[in-house]
C-alpha cells in the first residue's frame, strides 16, 4: 500500500525524477511553454509554482533556494526579474495545463504546460 506517498514515480529513481523536474522547470522558465506528457506536466506544476512563489519575494535567501533547482543563471535571472514580478498580485495558479492529444509513437497523453496570461 502507498499510504502517504504523494506524487508519481514516472518509472525513475528519486534522483532521476528530481533531475527531470529541474530540467523541465528550467525549460519552462526559458521558453514559458513546453509540451510534455500529461503525467510529467502534472508533476511539474507544483514544482514550478513553488519556485514562482519564492521569486515573488525576491530576497537573496529565496534566490538561493531557487538556484538549488534552477542551475542556469539566465533562467534564474528571468525567474526573479520577469516571471516573479509578473505574478506579484496573484496568489497561486501561475500555470495551466492544456491537453494536446496523443503522441504518435506510443499513444501517450500529451499536454502543454504554460504560464497564465497576465490578464487572467
PDB file of N, CA and C in Angstrom:
ATOM      1  N   UNK A   1       0.826  -1.187   0.000  1.00  0.00           N
ATOM      2  CA  UNK A   1       0.000   0.000   0.000  1.00  0.00           C
ATOM      3  C   UNK A   1       0.868   1.247   0.000  1.00  0.00           C
ATOM      4  N   UNK A   2       0.368   2.291  -0.651  1.00  0.00           N
ATOM      5  CA  UNK A   2       1.145   3.517  -0.820  1.00  0.00           C
ATOM      6  C   UNK A   2       0.611   4.637   0.059  1.00  0.00           C
ATOM      7  N   UNK A   3       0.317   4.373   1.301  1.00  0.00           N
ATOM      8  CA  UNK A   3      -0.219   5.406   2.170  1.00  0.00           C
ATOM      9  C   UNK A   3       0.779   6.548   2.336  1.00  0.00           C
ATOM     10  N   UNK A   4       0.308   7.759   2.175  1.00  0.00           N
ATOM     11  CA  UNK A   4       1.087   8.993   2.354  1.00  0.00           C
ATOM     12  C   UNK A   4       2.311   9.062   1.456  1.00  0.00           C
ATOM     13  N   UNK A   5       2.207   8.506   0.269  1.00  0.00           N
ATOM     14  CA  UNK A   5       3.284   8.596  -0.711  1.00  0.00           C
ATOM     15  C   UNK A   5       2.744   9.355  -1.920  1.00  0.00           C
ATOM     16  N   UNK A   6       2.808  10.668  -1.838  1.00  0.00           N
ATOM     17  CA  UNK A   6       2.245  11.514  -2.887  1.00  0.00           C
ATOM     18  C   UNK A   6       3.205  11.601  -4.065  1.00  0.00           C
ATOM     19  N   UNK A   7       2.666  11.894  -5.224  1.00  0.00           N
ATOM     20  CA  UNK A   7       3.479  12.099  -6.415  1.00  0.00           C
ATOM     21  C   UNK A   7       3.631  10.833  -7.233  1.00  0.00           C
ATOM     22  N   UNK A   8       3.980  11.042  -8.480  1.00  0.00           N
ATOM     23  CA  UNK A   8       4.158   9.931  -9.409  1.00  0.00           C
ATOM     24  C   UNK A   8       5.620   9.511  -9.457  1.00  0.00           C
ATOM     25  N   UNK A   9       5.863   8.238  -9.695  1.00  0.00           N
ATOM     26  CA  UNK A   9       7.238   7.752  -9.791  1.00  0.00           C
ATOM     27  C   UNK A   9       7.827   8.012 -11.168  1.00  0.00           C
ATOM     28  N   UNK A  10       6.996   8.027 -12.196  1.00  0.00           N
ATOM     29  CA  UNK A  10       7.420   8.246 -13.580  1.00  0.00           C
ATOM     30  C   UNK A  10       8.479   7.235 -14.015  1.00  0.00           C
ATOM     31  N   UNK A  11       8.465   6.058 -13.410  1.00  0.00           N
ATOM     32  CA  UNK A  11       9.405   4.965 -13.712  1.00  0.00           C
ATOM     33  C   UNK A  11      10.862   5.388 -13.589  1.00  0.00           C
ATOM     34  N   UNK A  12      11.144   6.209 -12.577  1.00  0.00           N
ATOM     35  CA  UNK A  12      12.504   6.700 -12.356  1.00  0.00           C
ATOM     36  C   UNK A  12      12.841   6.610 -10.871  1.00  0.00           C
ATOM     37  N   UNK A  13      14.142   6.596 -10.597  1.00  0.00           N
ATOM     38  CA  UNK A  13      14.568   6.686  -9.210  1.00  0.00           C
ATOM     39  C   UNK A  13      14.356   8.117  -8.729  1.00  0.00           C
ATOM     40  N   UNK A  14      14.480   8.346  -7.445  1.00  0.00           N
ATOM     41  CA  UNK A  14      14.220   9.678  -6.909  1.00  0.00           C
ATOM     42  C   UNK A  14      15.216  10.704  -7.463  1.00  0.00           C
ATOM     43  N   UNK A  15      16.471  10.306  -7.659  1.00  0.00           N
ATOM     44  CA  UNK A  15      17.464  11.228  -8.210  1.00  0.00           C
ATOM     45  C   UNK A  15      17.144  11.577  -9.655  1.00  0.00           C
ATOM     46  N   UNK A  16      16.753  10.567 -10.440  1.00  0.00           N
ATOM     47  CA  UNK A  16      16.401  10.812 -11.832  1.00  0.00           C
ATOM     48  C   UNK A  16      15.153  11.677 -11.943  1.00  0.00           C
ATOM     49  N   UNK A  17      14.195  11.449 -11.056  1.00  0.00           N
ATOM     50  CA  UNK A  17      12.955  12.217 -11.055  1.00  0.00           C
ATOM     51  C   UNK A  17      13.225  13.686 -10.722  1.00  0.00           C
ATOM     52  N   UNK A  18      14.078  13.929  -9.741  1.00  0.00           N
ATOM     53  CA  UNK A  18      14.415  15.297  -9.372  1.00  0.00           C
ATOM     54  C   UNK A  18      15.150  15.993 -10.520  1.00  0.00           C
ATOM     55  N   UNK A  19      16.071  15.286 -11.177  1.00  0.00           N
ATOM     56  CA  UNK A  19      16.788  15.861 -12.315  1.00  0.00           C
ATOM     57  C   UNK A  19      15.824  16.177 -13.460  1.00  0.00           C
ATOM     58  N   UNK A  20      14.865  15.288 -13.701  1.00  0.00           N
ATOM     59  CA  UNK A  20      13.866  15.522 -14.739  1.00  0.00           C
ATOM     60  C   UNK A  20      13.046  16.764 -14.435  1.00  0.00           C
ATOM     61  N   UNK A  21      12.573  16.904 -13.202  1.00  0.00           N
ATOM     62  CA  UNK A  21      11.769  18.065 -12.837  1.00  0.00           C
ATOM     63  C   UNK A  21      12.573  19.359 -12.915  1.00  0.00           C
ATOM     64  N   UNK A  22      13.834  19.309 -12.528  1.00  0.00           N
ATOM     65  CA  UNK A  22      14.681  20.501 -12.620  1.00  0.00           C
ATOM     66  C   UNK A  22      14.868  20.921 -14.075  1.00  0.00           C
ATOM     67  N   UNK A  23      15.117  19.942 -14.958  1.00  0.00           N
ATOM     68  CA  UNK A  23      15.305  20.259 -16.372  1.00  0.00           C
ATOM     69  C   UNK A  23      14.018  20.760 -17.014  1.00  0.00           C
ATOM     70  N   UNK A  24      12.884  20.139 -16.682  1.00  0.00           N
ATOM     71  CA  UNK A  24      11.607  20.603 -17.220  1.00  0.00           C
ATOM     72  C   UNK A  24      11.286  22.006 -16.722  1.00  0.00           C
ATOM     73  N   UNK A  25      11.569  22.278 -15.447  1.00  0.00           N
ATOM     74  CA  UNK A  25      11.309  23.604 -14.894  1.00  0.00           C
ATOM     75  C   UNK A  25      12.177  24.658 -15.573  1.00  0.00           C
ATOM     76  N   UNK A  26      13.437  24.336 -15.810  1.00  0.00           N
ATOM     77  CA  UNK A  26      14.333  25.272 -16.490  1.00  0.00           C
ATOM     78  C   UNK A  26      13.836  25.550 -17.900  1.00  0.00           C
ATOM     79  N   UNK A  27      13.422  24.503 -18.608  1.00  0.00           N
ATOM     80  CA  UNK A  27      12.902  24.694 -19.964  1.00  0.00           C
ATOM     81  C   UNK A  27      11.628  25.529 -19.962  1.00  0.00           C
ATOM     82  N   UNK A  28      10.761  25.297 -18.990  1.00  0.00           N
ATOM     83  CA  UNK A  28       9.524  26.058 -18.903  1.00  0.00           C
ATOM     84  C   UNK A  28       9.810  27.530 -18.622  1.00  0.00           C
ATOM     85  N   UNK A  29      10.754  27.804 -17.756  1.00  0.00           N
ATOM     86  CA  UNK A  29      11.089  29.194 -17.440  1.00  0.00           C
ATOM     87  C   UNK A  29      11.712  29.877 -18.647  1.00  0.00           C
ATOM     88  N   UNK A  30      12.557  29.174 -19.373  1.00  0.00           N
ATOM     89  CA  UNK A  30      13.227  29.773 -20.530  1.00  0.00           C
ATOM     90  C   UNK A  30      12.258  30.049 -21.672  1.00  0.00           C
ATOM     91  N   UNK A  31      11.387  29.082 -21.987  1.00  0.00           N
ATOM     92  CA  UNK A  31      10.524  29.247 -23.156  1.00  0.00           C
ATOM     93  C   UNK A  31       9.084  29.612 -22.795  1.00  0.00           C
ATOM     94  N   UNK A  32       8.719  29.568 -21.521  1.00  0.00           N
ATOM     95  CA  UNK A  32       7.403  29.907 -20.987  1.00  0.00           C
ATOM     96  C   UNK A  32       6.286  28.983 -21.452  1.00  0.00           C
ATOM     97  N   UNK A  33       6.590  27.945 -22.202  1.00  0.00           N
ATOM     98  CA  UNK A  33       5.591  26.972 -22.619  1.00  0.00           C
ATOM     99  C   UNK A  33       6.322  25.750 -23.163  1.00  0.00           C
ATOM    100  N   UNK A  34       5.986  24.561 -22.652  1.00  0.00           N
ATOM    101  CA  UNK A  34       6.596  23.341 -23.173  1.00  0.00           C
ATOM    102  C   UNK A  34       5.512  22.284 -23.346  1.00  0.00           C
ATOM    103  N   UNK A  35       5.786  21.340 -24.243  1.00  0.00           N
ATOM    104  CA  UNK A  35       4.875  20.221 -24.450  1.00  0.00           C
ATOM    105  C   UNK A  35       5.559  18.952 -23.957  1.00  0.00           C
ATOM    106  N   UNK A  36       4.872  18.228 -23.098  1.00  0.00           N
ATOM    107  CA  UNK A  36       5.402  17.010 -22.500  1.00  0.00           C
ATOM    108  C   UNK A  36       4.230  16.077 -22.235  1.00  0.00           C
ATOM    109  N   UNK A  37       4.498  14.948 -21.606  1.00  0.00           N
ATOM    110  CA  UNK A  37       3.388  14.047 -21.294  1.00  0.00           C
ATOM    111  C   UNK A  37       2.533  14.650 -20.186  1.00  0.00           C
ATOM    112  N   UNK A  38       1.303  14.227 -20.124  1.00  0.00           N
ATOM    113  CA  UNK A  38       0.373  14.777 -19.151  1.00  0.00           C
ATOM    114  C   UNK A  38       0.828  14.497 -17.718  1.00  0.00           C
ATOM    115  N   UNK A  39       1.362  13.303 -17.469  1.00  0.00           N
ATOM    116  CA  UNK A  39       1.808  12.947 -16.123  1.00  0.00           C
ATOM    117  C   UNK A  39       2.980  13.827 -15.687  1.00  0.00           C
ATOM    118  N   UNK A  40       3.933  14.065 -16.602  1.00  0.00           N
ATOM    119  CA  UNK A  40       5.067  14.922 -16.265  1.00  0.00           C
ATOM    120  C   UNK A  40       4.611  16.358 -16.030  1.00  0.00           C
ATOM    121  N   UNK A  41       3.666  16.829 -16.819  1.00  0.00           N
ATOM    122  CA  UNK A  41       3.160  18.191 -16.654  1.00  0.00           C
ATOM    123  C   UNK A  41       2.473  18.342 -15.304  1.00  0.00           C
ATOM    124  N   UNK A  42       1.713  17.339 -14.894  1.00  0.00           N
ATOM    125  CA  UNK A  42       1.013  17.413 -13.616  1.00  0.00           C
ATOM    126  C   UNK A  42       1.982  17.363 -12.437  1.00  0.00           C
ATOM    127  N   UNK A  43       3.103  16.692 -12.598  1.00  0.00           N
ATOM    128  CA  UNK A  43       4.128  16.681 -11.549  1.00  0.00           C
ATOM    129  C   UNK A  43       4.934  17.969 -11.553  1.00  0.00           C
ATOM    130  N   UNK A  44       5.096  18.566 -12.731  1.00  0.00           N
ATOM    131  CA  UNK A  44       5.894  19.786 -12.858  1.00  0.00           C
ATOM    132  C   UNK A  44       5.179  21.001 -12.268  1.00  0.00           C
ATOM    133  N   UNK A  45       3.862  21.013 -12.358  1.00  0.00           N
ATOM    134  CA  UNK A  45       3.097  22.189 -11.930  1.00  0.00           C
ATOM    135  C   UNK A  45       3.396  22.622 -10.491  1.00  0.00           C
ATOM    136  N   UNK A  46       3.273  21.777  -9.460  1.00  0.00           N
ATOM    137  CA  UNK A  46       3.570  22.260  -8.103  1.00  0.00           C
ATOM    138  C   UNK A  46       5.046  22.608  -7.906  1.00  0.00           C
ATOM    139  N   UNK A  47       5.933  21.914  -8.616  1.00  0.00           N
ATOM    140  CA  UNK A  47       7.370  22.182  -8.521  1.00  0.00           C
ATOM    141  C   UNK A  47       7.666  23.614  -8.976  1.00  0.00           C
ATOM    142  N   UNK A  48       7.106  24.003 -10.125  1.00  0.00           N
ATOM    143  CA  UNK A  48       7.357  25.331 -10.685  1.00  0.00           C
ATOM    144  C   UNK A  48       6.626  26.407  -9.883  1.00  0.00           C
ATOM    145  N   UNK A  49       5.426  26.106  -9.426  1.00  0.00           N
ATOM    146  CA  UNK A  49       4.669  27.125  -8.708  1.00  0.00           C
ATOM    147  C   UNK A  49       5.335  27.487  -7.379  1.00  0.00           C
ATOM    148  N   UNK A  50       5.991  26.537  -6.759  1.00  0.00           N
ATOM    149  CA  UNK A  50       6.749  26.846  -5.537  1.00  0.00           C
ATOM    150  C   UNK A  50       7.932  27.756  -5.851  1.00  0.00           C
ATOM    151  N   UNK A  51       8.569  27.538  -7.005  1.00  0.00           N
ATOM    152  CA  UNK A  51       9.677  28.407  -7.403  1.00  0.00           C
ATOM    153  C   UNK A  51       9.182  29.827  -7.674  1.00  0.00           C
ATOM    154  N   UNK A  52       8.031  29.952  -8.313  1.00  0.00           N
ATOM    155  CA  UNK A  52       7.491  31.274  -8.617  1.00  0.00           C
ATOM    156  C   UNK A  52       7.107  31.999  -7.330  1.00  0.00           C
ATOM    157  N   UNK A  53       6.576  31.270  -6.366  1.00  0.00           N
ATOM    158  CA  UNK A  53       6.239  31.879  -5.086  1.00  0.00           C
ATOM    159  C   UNK A  53       7.492  32.421  -4.405  1.00  0.00           C
ATOM    160  N   UNK A  54       8.605  31.691  -4.515  1.00  0.00           N
ATOM    161  CA  UNK A  54       9.872  32.201  -3.980  1.00  0.00           C
ATOM    162  C   UNK A  54      10.313  33.436  -4.748  1.00  0.00           C
ATOM    163  N   UNK A  55      10.129  33.428  -6.068  1.00  0.00           N
ATOM    164  CA  UNK A  55      10.571  34.548  -6.901  1.00  0.00           C
ATOM    165  C   UNK A  55       9.754  35.806  -6.629  1.00  0.00           C
ATOM    166  N   UNK A  56       8.527  35.651  -6.164  1.00  0.00           N
ATOM    167  CA  UNK A  56       7.700  36.823  -5.870  1.00  0.00           C
ATOM    168  C   UNK A  56       8.287  37.643  -4.728  1.00  0.00           C
ATOM    169  N   UNK A  57       8.932  36.983  -3.754  1.00  0.00           N
ATOM    170  CA  UNK A  57       9.519  37.734  -2.643  1.00  0.00           C
ATOM    171  C   UNK A  57      10.777  38.459  -3.092  1.00  0.00           C
ATOM    172  N   UNK A  58      11.588  37.804  -3.928  1.00  0.00           N
ATOM    173  CA  UNK A  58      12.764  38.454  -4.481  1.00  0.00           C
ATOM    174  C   UNK A  58      13.929  38.616  -3.528  1.00  0.00           C
ATOM    175  N   UNK A  59      13.905  37.978  -2.377  1.00  0.00           N
ATOM    176  CA  UNK A  59      15.002  38.124  -1.426  1.00  0.00           C
ATOM    177  C   UNK A  59      16.195  37.273  -1.840  1.00  0.00           C
ATOM    178  N   UNK A  60      17.320  37.550  -1.264  1.00  0.00           N
ATOM    179  CA  UNK A  60      18.524  36.780  -1.550  1.00  0.00           C
ATOM    180  C   UNK A  60      18.347  35.330  -1.103  1.00  0.00           C
ATOM    181  N   UNK A  61      17.725  35.139   0.040  1.00  0.00           N
ATOM    182  CA  UNK A  61      17.503  33.777   0.527  1.00  0.00           C
ATOM    183  C   UNK A  61      16.606  32.994  -0.433  1.00  0.00           C
ATOM    184  N   UNK A  62      15.566  33.638  -0.930  1.00  0.00           N
ATOM    185  CA  UNK A  62      14.673  32.976  -1.885  1.00  0.00           C
ATOM    186  C   UNK A  62      15.414  32.643  -3.175  1.00  0.00           C
ATOM    187  N   UNK A  63      16.286  33.539  -3.619  1.00  0.00           N
ATOM    188  CA  UNK A  63      17.067  33.282  -4.836  1.00  0.00           C
ATOM    189  C   UNK A  63      17.984  32.071  -4.634  1.00  0.00           C
ATOM    190  N   UNK A  64      18.605  31.987  -3.479  1.00  0.00           N
ATOM    191  CA  UNK A  64      19.493  30.847  -3.222  1.00  0.00           C
ATOM    192  C   UNK A  64      18.711  29.548  -3.142  1.00  0.00           C
ATOM    193  N   UNK A  65      17.509  29.587  -2.574  1.00  0.00           N
ATOM    194  CA  UNK A  65      16.676  28.385  -2.529  1.00  0.00           C
ATOM    195  C   UNK A  65      16.252  27.964  -3.932  1.00  0.00           C
ATOM    196  N   UNK A  66      15.944  28.934  -4.796  1.00  0.00           N
ATOM    197  CA  UNK A  66      15.516  28.618  -6.161  1.00  0.00           C
ATOM    198  C   UNK A  66      16.682  28.118  -7.005  1.00  0.00           C
ATOM    199  N   UNK A  67      17.871  28.650  -6.773  1.00  0.00           N
ATOM    200  CA  UNK A  67      19.038  28.248  -7.570  1.00  0.00           C
ATOM    201  C   UNK A  67      19.445  26.805  -7.265  1.00  0.00           C
ATOM    202  N   UNK A  68      18.971  26.256  -6.132  1.00  0.00           N
ATOM    203  CA  UNK A  68      19.205  24.833  -5.880  1.00  0.00           C
ATOM    204  C   UNK A  68      18.579  23.976  -6.973  1.00  0.00           C
ATOM    205  N   UNK A  69      17.491  24.479  -7.566  1.00  0.00           N
ATOM    206  CA  UNK A  69      16.781  23.704  -8.578  1.00  0.00           C
ATOM    207  C   UNK A  69      16.982  24.236  -9.988  1.00  0.00           C
ATOM    208  N   UNK A  70      17.194  25.524 -10.144  1.00  0.00           N
ATOM    209  CA  UNK A  70      17.399  26.123 -11.460  1.00  0.00           C
ATOM    210  C   UNK A  70      18.890  26.418 -11.587  1.00  0.00           C
ATOM    211  N   UNK A  71      19.601  25.580 -12.326  1.00  0.00           N
ATOM    212  CA  UNK A  71      21.052  25.659 -12.368  1.00  0.00           C
ATOM    213  C   UNK A  71      21.573  26.631 -13.424  1.00  0.00           C
ATOM    214  N   UNK A  72      20.740  27.063 -14.355  1.00  0.00           N
ATOM    215  CA  UNK A  72      21.170  28.016 -15.372  1.00  0.00           C
ATOM    216  C   UNK A  72      20.963  29.431 -14.860  1.00  0.00           C
ATOM    217  N   UNK A  73      22.001  30.225 -14.923  1.00  0.00           N
ATOM    218  CA  UNK A  73      21.971  31.588 -14.400  1.00  0.00           C
ATOM    219  C   UNK A  73      20.931  32.435 -15.124  1.00  0.00           C
ATOM    220  N   UNK A  74      20.854  32.292 -16.469  1.00  0.00           N
ATOM    221  CA  UNK A  74      19.924  33.092 -17.254  1.00  0.00           C
ATOM    222  C   UNK A  74      18.472  32.778 -16.869  1.00  0.00           C
ATOM    223  N   UNK A  75      18.186  31.498 -16.651  1.00  0.00           N
ATOM    224  CA  UNK A  75      16.829  31.096 -16.276  1.00  0.00           C
ATOM    225  C   UNK A  75      16.479  31.615 -14.881  1.00  0.00           C
ATOM    226  N   UNK A  76      17.423  31.557 -13.964  1.00  0.00           N
ATOM    227  CA  UNK A  76      17.180  32.060 -12.609  1.00  0.00           C
ATOM    228  C   UNK A  76      16.949  33.567 -12.632  1.00  0.00           C
ATOM    229  N   UNK A  77      17.728  34.282 -13.442  1.00  0.00           N
ATOM    230  CA  UNK A  77      17.538  35.726 -13.558  1.00  0.00           C
ATOM    231  C   UNK A  77      16.170  36.052 -14.137  1.00  0.00           C
ATOM    232  N   UNK A  78      15.757  35.304 -15.156  1.00  0.00           N
ATOM    233  CA  UNK A  78      14.444  35.534 -15.754  1.00  0.00           C
ATOM    234  C   UNK A  78      13.333  35.241 -14.748  1.00  0.00           C
ATOM    235  N   UNK A  79      13.515  34.192 -13.952  1.00  0.00           N
ATOM    236  CA  UNK A  79      12.524  33.848 -12.944  1.00  0.00           C
ATOM    237  C   UNK A  79      12.317  34.986 -11.958  1.00  0.00           C
ATOM    238  N   UNK A  80      13.398  35.609 -11.510  1.00  0.00           N
ATOM    239  CA  UNK A  80      13.299  36.634 -10.480  1.00  0.00           C
ATOM    240  C   UNK A  80      13.048  38.033 -11.041  1.00  0.00           C
ATOM    241  N   UNK A  81      13.463  38.302 -12.281  1.00  0.00           N
ATOM    242  CA  UNK A  81      13.310  39.652 -12.816  1.00  0.00           C
ATOM    243  C   UNK A  81      12.069  39.813 -13.685  1.00  0.00           C
ATOM    244  N   UNK A  82      11.593  38.724 -14.312  1.00  0.00           N
ATOM    245  CA  UNK A  82      10.464  38.830 -15.234  1.00  0.00           C
ATOM    246  C   UNK A  82       9.234  38.107 -14.696  1.00  0.00           C
ATOM    247  N   UNK A  83       9.385  36.825 -14.384  1.00  0.00           N
ATOM    248  CA  UNK A  83       8.229  35.997 -14.046  1.00  0.00           C
ATOM    249  C   UNK A  83       7.703  36.302 -12.645  1.00  0.00           C
ATOM    250  N   UNK A  84       8.584  36.454 -11.675  1.00  0.00           N
ATOM    251  CA  UNK A  84       8.146  36.755 -10.313  1.00  0.00           C
ATOM    252  C   UNK A  84       7.338  38.039 -10.216  1.00  0.00           C
ATOM    253  N   UNK A  85       7.859  39.163 -10.747  1.00  0.00           N
ATOM    254  CA  UNK A  85       7.071  40.405 -10.706  1.00  0.00           C
ATOM    255  C   UNK A  85       5.775  40.332 -11.500  1.00  0.00           C
ATOM    256  N   UNK A  86       5.736  39.515 -12.556  1.00  0.00           N
ATOM    257  CA  UNK A  86       4.515  39.384 -13.355  1.00  0.00           C
ATOM    258  C   UNK A  86       3.352  38.851 -12.529  1.00  0.00           C
ATOM    259  N   UNK A  87       3.656  37.939 -11.592  1.00  0.00           N
ATOM    260  CA  UNK A  87       2.620  37.323 -10.777  1.00  0.00           C
ATOM    261  C   UNK A  87       2.585  37.880  -9.355  1.00  0.00           C
ATOM    262  N   UNK A  88       3.086  39.091  -9.160  1.00  0.00           N
ATOM    263  CA  UNK A  88       3.155  39.659  -7.810  1.00  0.00           C
ATOM    264  C   UNK A  88       1.778  39.823  -7.180  1.00  0.00           C
ATOM    265  N   UNK A  89       0.760  40.120  -7.977  1.00  0.00           N
ATOM    266  CA  UNK A  89      -0.569  40.346  -7.434  1.00  0.00           C
ATOM    267  C   UNK A  89      -1.428  39.088  -7.437  1.00  0.00           C
ATOM    268  N   UNK A  90      -0.879  37.965  -7.840  1.00  0.00           N
ATOM    269  CA  UNK A  90      -1.657  36.728  -7.974  1.00  0.00           C
ATOM    270  C   UNK A  90      -1.268  35.753  -6.872  1.00  0.00           C
ATOM    271  N   UNK A  91      -2.248  35.141  -6.240  1.00  0.00           N
ATOM    272  CA  UNK A  91      -1.982  34.178  -5.177  1.00  0.00           C
ATOM    273  C   UNK A  91      -2.148  32.762  -5.707  1.00  0.00           C
ATOM    274  N   UNK A  92      -1.118  32.223  -6.306  1.00  0.00           N
ATOM    275  CA  UNK A  92      -1.152  30.855  -6.809  1.00  0.00           C
ATOM    276  C   UNK A  92      -1.793  30.763  -8.175  1.00  0.00           C
ATOM    277  N   UNK A  93      -1.759  29.563  -8.749  1.00  0.00           N
ATOM    278  CA  UNK A  93      -2.344  29.336 -10.063  1.00  0.00           C
ATOM    279  C   UNK A  93      -1.584  30.036 -11.162  1.00  0.00           C
ATOM    280  N   UNK A  94      -0.265  29.895 -11.170  1.00  0.00           N
ATOM    281  CA  UNK A  94       0.565  30.598 -12.137  1.00  0.00           C
ATOM    282  C   UNK A  94       0.663  29.854 -13.466  1.00  0.00           C
ATOM    283  N   UNK A  95       0.353  28.577 -13.482  1.00  0.00           N
ATOM    284  CA  UNK A  95       0.495  27.787 -14.701  1.00  0.00           C
ATOM    285  C   UNK A  95      -0.839  27.143 -15.062  1.00  0.00           C
ATOM    286  N   UNK A  96      -0.941  26.704 -16.306  1.00  0.00           N
ATOM    287  CA  UNK A  96      -2.097  25.936 -16.735  1.00  0.00           C
ATOM    288  C   UNK A  96      -1.634  24.808 -17.628  1.00  0.00           C
ATOM    289  N   UNK A  97      -2.405  23.728 -17.635  1.00  0.00           N
ATOM    290  CA  UNK A  97      -2.103  22.545 -18.421  1.00  0.00           C
ATOM    291  C   UNK A  97      -3.216  22.364 -19.441  1.00  0.00           C
ATOM    292  N   UNK A  98      -2.834  22.314 -20.712  1.00  0.00           N
ATOM    293  CA  UNK A  98      -3.781  22.117 -21.800  1.00  0.00           C
ATOM    294  C   UNK A  98      -3.478  20.783 -22.466  1.00  0.00           C
ATOM    295  N   UNK A  99      -4.450  19.915 -22.563  1.00  0.00           N
ATOM    296  CA  UNK A  99      -4.249  18.621 -23.202  1.00  0.00           C
ATOM    297  C   UNK A  99      -4.181  18.814 -24.709  1.00  0.00           C
ATOM    298  N   UNK A 100      -3.200  18.161 -25.347  1.00  0.00           N
ATOM    299  CA  UNK A 100      -2.980  18.383 -26.780  1.00  0.00           C
ATOM    300  C   UNK A 100      -3.181  17.124 -27.619  1.00  0.00           C
ATOM    301  N   UNK A 101      -3.589  16.029 -27.031  1.00  0.00           N
ATOM    302  CA  UNK A 101      -3.820  14.823 -27.822  1.00  0.00           C
ATOM    303  C   UNK A 101      -2.895  13.700 -27.408  1.00  0.00           C
ATOM    304  N   UNK A 102      -2.563  12.868 -28.388  1.00  0.00           N
ATOM    305  CA  UNK A 102      -1.763  11.677 -28.116  1.00  0.00           C
ATOM    306  C   UNK A 102      -0.491  11.695 -28.953  1.00  0.00           C
ATOM    307  N   UNK A 103       0.587  11.158 -28.396  1.00  0.00           N
ATOM    308  CA  UNK A 103       1.853  11.067 -29.115  1.00  0.00           C
ATOM    309  C   UNK A 103       1.735   9.980 -30.170  1.00  0.00           C
ATOM    310  N   UNK A 104       2.302  10.222 -31.327  1.00  0.00           N
ATOM    311  CA  UNK A 104       2.158   9.297 -32.449  1.00  0.00           C
ATOM    312  C   UNK A 104       2.835   7.959 -32.186  1.00  0.00           C
ATOM    313  N   UNK A 105       3.995   7.981 -31.573  1.00  0.00           N
ATOM    314  CA  UNK A 105       4.766   6.746 -31.420  1.00  0.00           C
ATOM    315  C   UNK A 105       4.158   5.739 -30.465  1.00  0.00           C
ATOM    316  N   UNK A 106       3.799   6.175 -29.255  1.00  0.00           N
ATOM    317  CA  UNK A 106       3.326   5.226 -28.248  1.00  0.00           C
ATOM    318  C   UNK A 106       1.934   5.553 -27.716  1.00  0.00           C
ATOM    319  N   UNK A 107       1.310   6.600 -28.220  1.00  0.00           N
ATOM    320  CA  UNK A 107      -0.042   6.930 -27.803  1.00  0.00           C
ATOM    321  C   UNK A 107      -0.138   7.570 -26.436  1.00  0.00           C
ATOM    322  N   UNK A 108       0.961   8.099 -25.914  1.00  0.00           N
ATOM    323  CA  UNK A 108       0.934   8.729 -24.593  1.00  0.00           C
ATOM    324  C   UNK A 108       0.131  10.028 -24.636  1.00  0.00           C
ATOM    325  N   UNK A 109      -0.589  10.311 -23.549  1.00  0.00           N
ATOM    326  CA  UNK A 109      -1.338  11.564 -23.452  1.00  0.00           C
ATOM    327  C   UNK A 109      -0.348  12.717 -23.374  1.00  0.00           C
ATOM    328  N   UNK A 110      -0.476  13.684 -24.268  1.00  0.00           N
ATOM    329  CA  UNK A 110       0.418  14.828 -24.296  1.00  0.00           C
ATOM    330  C   UNK A 110      -0.309  16.060 -23.772  1.00  0.00           C
ATOM    331  N   UNK A 111       0.451  16.981 -23.214  1.00  0.00           N
ATOM    332  CA  UNK A 111      -0.121  18.207 -22.676  1.00  0.00           C
ATOM    333  C   UNK A 111       0.884  19.339 -22.823  1.00  0.00           C
ATOM    334  N   UNK A 112       0.360  20.545 -22.897  1.00  0.00           N
ATOM    335  CA  UNK A 112       1.188  21.750 -22.938  1.00  0.00           C
ATOM    336  C   UNK A 112       1.021  22.443 -21.594  1.00  0.00           C
ATOM    337  N   UNK A 113       2.139  22.735 -20.951  1.00  0.00           N
ATOM    338  CA  UNK A 113       2.104  23.482 -19.700  1.00  0.00           C
ATOM    339  C   UNK A 113       2.706  24.855 -20.001  1.00  0.00           C
ATOM    340  N   UNK A 114       2.007  25.897 -19.546  1.00  0.00           N
ATOM    341  CA  UNK A 114       2.432  27.254 -19.834  1.00  0.00           C
ATOM    342  C   UNK A 114       2.029  28.162 -18.682  1.00  0.00           C
ATOM    343  N   UNK A 115       2.646  29.335 -18.660  1.00  0.00           N
ATOM    344  CA  UNK A 115       2.290  30.321 -17.648  1.00  0.00           C
ATOM    345  C   UNK A 115       0.968  30.974 -18.023  1.00  0.00           C
ATOM    346  N   UNK A 116       0.203  31.354 -17.019  1.00  0.00           N
ATOM    347  CA  UNK A 116      -1.074  32.010 -17.262  1.00  0.00           C
ATOM    348  C   UNK A 116      -0.838  33.371 -17.888  1.00  0.00           C
ATOM    349  N   UNK A 117      -1.731  33.790 -18.782  1.00  0.00           N
ATOM    350  CA  UNK A 117      -1.617  35.151 -19.335  1.00  0.00           C
ATOM    351  C   UNK A 117      -1.806  36.176 -18.223  1.00  0.00           C
ATOM    352  N   UNK A 118      -1.275  37.352 -18.438  1.00  0.00           N
ATOM    353  CA  UNK A 118      -1.285  38.377 -17.392  1.00  0.00           C
ATOM    354  C   UNK A 118      -2.691  38.893 -17.098  1.00  0.00           C
ATOM    355  N   UNK A 119      -3.578  38.890 -18.078  1.00  0.00           N
ATOM    356  CA  UNK A 119      -4.904  39.439 -17.873  1.00  0.00           C
ATOM    357  C   UNK A 119      -5.831  38.536 -17.073  1.00  0.00           C
ATOM    358  N   UNK A 120      -5.522  37.279 -16.943  1.00  0.00           N
ATOM    359  CA  UNK A 120      -6.441  36.344 -16.297  1.00  0.00           C
ATOM    360  C   UNK A 120      -6.054  36.079 -14.865  1.00  0.00           C
TER     361      UNK A 120
END
